Amino acid sequence: MPVYEYRCPGCGEEFERLVLSSSSKVACPACGGDDLVKKVSSFGTSGTEKKVSSASCDGCRKGSCAGCR
């Protein structure tokens, strides 16, 4: 069940909404408008960053990429 971000061009309100199906109607919580713009959202993850040593880096030839540091 994805969470989408919306902006209402009528009043400028920005909000998130859990959308259960593609046929779900979403309305602005501030003005009730339904002519909404779906914003581009970034995918979020949590956890720790794993660093790769240059000795085991397969992503570049010289171990100089940002992932090798």
C-alpha atoms as a PDB file:
ATOM      1  CA  MET A   1       0.000   0.000   0.000  1.00  0.00           C
ATOM      2  CA  PRO A   2       1.879   3.039  -1.244  1.00  0.00           C
ATOM      3  CA  VAL A   3       1.931   6.475   0.303  1.00  0.00           C
ATOM      4  CA  TYR A   4       1.703   9.217  -2.303  1.00  0.00           C
ATOM      5  CA  GLU A   5       2.525  12.902  -1.988  1.00  0.00           C
ATOM      6  CA  TYR A   6       0.094  15.426  -3.475  1.00  0.00           C
ATOM      7  CA  ARG A   7      -0.139  19.168  -4.041  1.00  0.00           C
ATOM      8  CA  CYS A   8      -3.432  20.988  -4.459  1.00  0.00           C
ATOM      9  CA  PRO A   9      -3.108  23.730  -7.096  1.00  0.00           C
ATOM     10  CA  GLY A  10      -6.272  25.366  -5.768  1.00  0.00           C
ATOM     11  CA  CYS A  11      -4.985  26.204  -2.286  1.00  0.00           C
ATOM     12  CA  GLY A  12      -1.300  25.156  -2.375  1.00  0.00           C
ATOM     13  CA  GLU A  13      -1.698  22.490   0.328  1.00  0.00           C
ATOM     14  CA  GLU A  14       0.871  19.661   0.221  1.00  0.00           C
ATOM     15  CA  PHE A  15       0.031  16.366   1.903  1.00  0.00           C
ATOM     16  CA  GLU A  16       0.599  12.615   1.913  1.00  0.00           C
ATOM     17  CA  ARG A  17      -2.074   9.975   1.576  1.00  0.00           C
ATOM     18  CA  LEU A  18      -2.066   6.185   1.890  1.00  0.00           C
ATOM     19  CA  VAL A  19      -3.791   4.936  -1.262  1.00  0.00           C
ATOM     20  CA  LEU A  20      -5.356   1.502  -0.961  1.00  0.00           C
ATOM     21  CA  SER A  21      -6.238   1.061  -4.660  1.00  0.00           C
ATOM     22  CA  SER A  22      -5.876   2.897  -7.952  1.00  0.00           C
ATOM     23  CA  SER A  23      -9.601   3.685  -7.910  1.00  0.00           C
ATOM     24  CA  SER A  24      -9.430   5.476  -4.527  1.00  0.00           C
ATOM     25  CA  LYS A  25     -10.533   9.111  -4.691  1.00  0.00           C
ATOM     26  CA  VAL A  26      -8.158  11.543  -2.996  1.00  0.00           C
ATOM     27  CA  ALA A  27      -9.259  15.021  -1.954  1.00  0.00           C
ATOM     28  CA  CYS A  28      -7.334  17.933  -0.478  1.00  0.00           C
ATOM     29  CA  PRO A  29      -7.726  17.975   3.311  1.00  0.00           C
ATOM     30  CA  ALA A  30      -7.657  21.791   3.364  1.00  0.00           C
ATOM     31  CA  CYS A  31     -10.149  22.757   0.657  1.00  0.00           C
ATOM     32  CA  GLY A  32     -11.693  19.469  -0.502  1.00  0.00           C
ATOM     33  CA  GLY A  33     -10.475  19.927  -4.077  1.00  0.00           C
ATOM     34  CA  ASP A  34      -9.894  16.798  -6.134  1.00  0.00           C
ATOM     35  CA  ASP A  35      -7.851  18.283  -9.014  1.00  0.00           C
ATOM     36  CA  LEU A  36      -4.534  17.268  -7.430  1.00  0.00           C
ATOM     37  CA  VAL A  37      -0.977  17.000  -8.693  1.00  0.00           C
ATOM     38  CA  LYS A  38       0.898  13.855  -7.649  1.00  0.00           C
ATOM     39  CA  LYS A  39       4.395  14.890  -6.618  1.00  0.00           C
ATOM     40  CA  VAL A  40       7.512  12.925  -7.463  1.00  0.00           C
ATOM     41  CA  SER A  41       8.475  11.063  -4.308  1.00  0.00           C
ATOM     42  CA  SER A  42      11.797   9.614  -3.326  1.00  0.00           C
ATOM     43  CA  PHE A  43      12.073   6.060  -2.113  1.00  0.00           C
ATOM     44  CA  GLY A  44      13.249   5.904   1.473  1.00  0.00           C
ATOM     45  CA  THR A  45      15.143   3.134   3.185  1.00  0.00           C
ATOM     46  CA  SER A  46      16.537   2.746   6.639  1.00  0.00           C
ATOM     47  CA  GLY A  47      19.596   0.931   7.848  1.00  0.00           C
ATOM     48  CA  THR A  48      23.300   1.386   7.929  1.00  0.00           C
ATOM     49  CA  GLU A  49      25.461   2.286   4.978  1.00  0.00           C
ATOM     50  CA  LYS A  50      27.867  -0.457   3.920  1.00  0.00           C
ATOM     51  CA  LYS A  51      31.214   0.762   2.635  1.00  0.00           C
ATOM     52  CA  VAL A  52      33.141  -1.353   0.165  1.00  0.00           C
ATOM     53  CA  SER A  53      36.909  -1.491   0.255  1.00  0.00           C
ATOM     54  CA  SER A  54      38.786  -0.813  -2.974  1.00  0.00           C
ATOM     55  CA  ALA A  55      40.254  -4.323  -2.861  1.00  0.00           C
ATOM     56  CA  SER A  56      36.816  -5.882  -3.346  1.00  0.00           C
ATOM     57  CA  CYS A  57      35.225  -3.248  -5.581  1.00  0.00           C
ATOM     58  CA  ASP A  58      33.860  -4.682  -8.802  1.00  0.00           C
ATOM     59  CA  GLY A  59      32.194  -1.429  -9.843  1.00  0.00           C
ATOM     60  CA  CYS A  60      35.276   0.363 -11.105  1.00  0.00           C
ATOM     61  CA  ARG A  61      38.728  -0.422 -12.428  1.00  0.00           C
ATOM     62  CA  LYS A  62      40.970   1.624 -10.149  1.00  0.00           C
ATOM     63  CA  GLY A  63      39.059   1.712  -6.877  1.00  0.00           C
ATOM     64  CA  SER A  64      38.472   5.427  -7.228  1.00  0.00           C
ATOM     65  CA  CYS A  65      34.686   5.506  -7.242  1.00  0.00           C
ATOM     66  CA  ALA A  66      32.744   6.976  -4.310  1.00  0.00           C
ATOM     67  CA  GLY A  67      31.489   3.507  -3.303  1.00  0.00           C
ATOM     68  CA  CYS A  68      35.053   2.317  -2.693  1.00  0.00           C
ATOM     69  CA  ARG A  69      35.839   4.879  -0.037  1.00  0.00           C
END
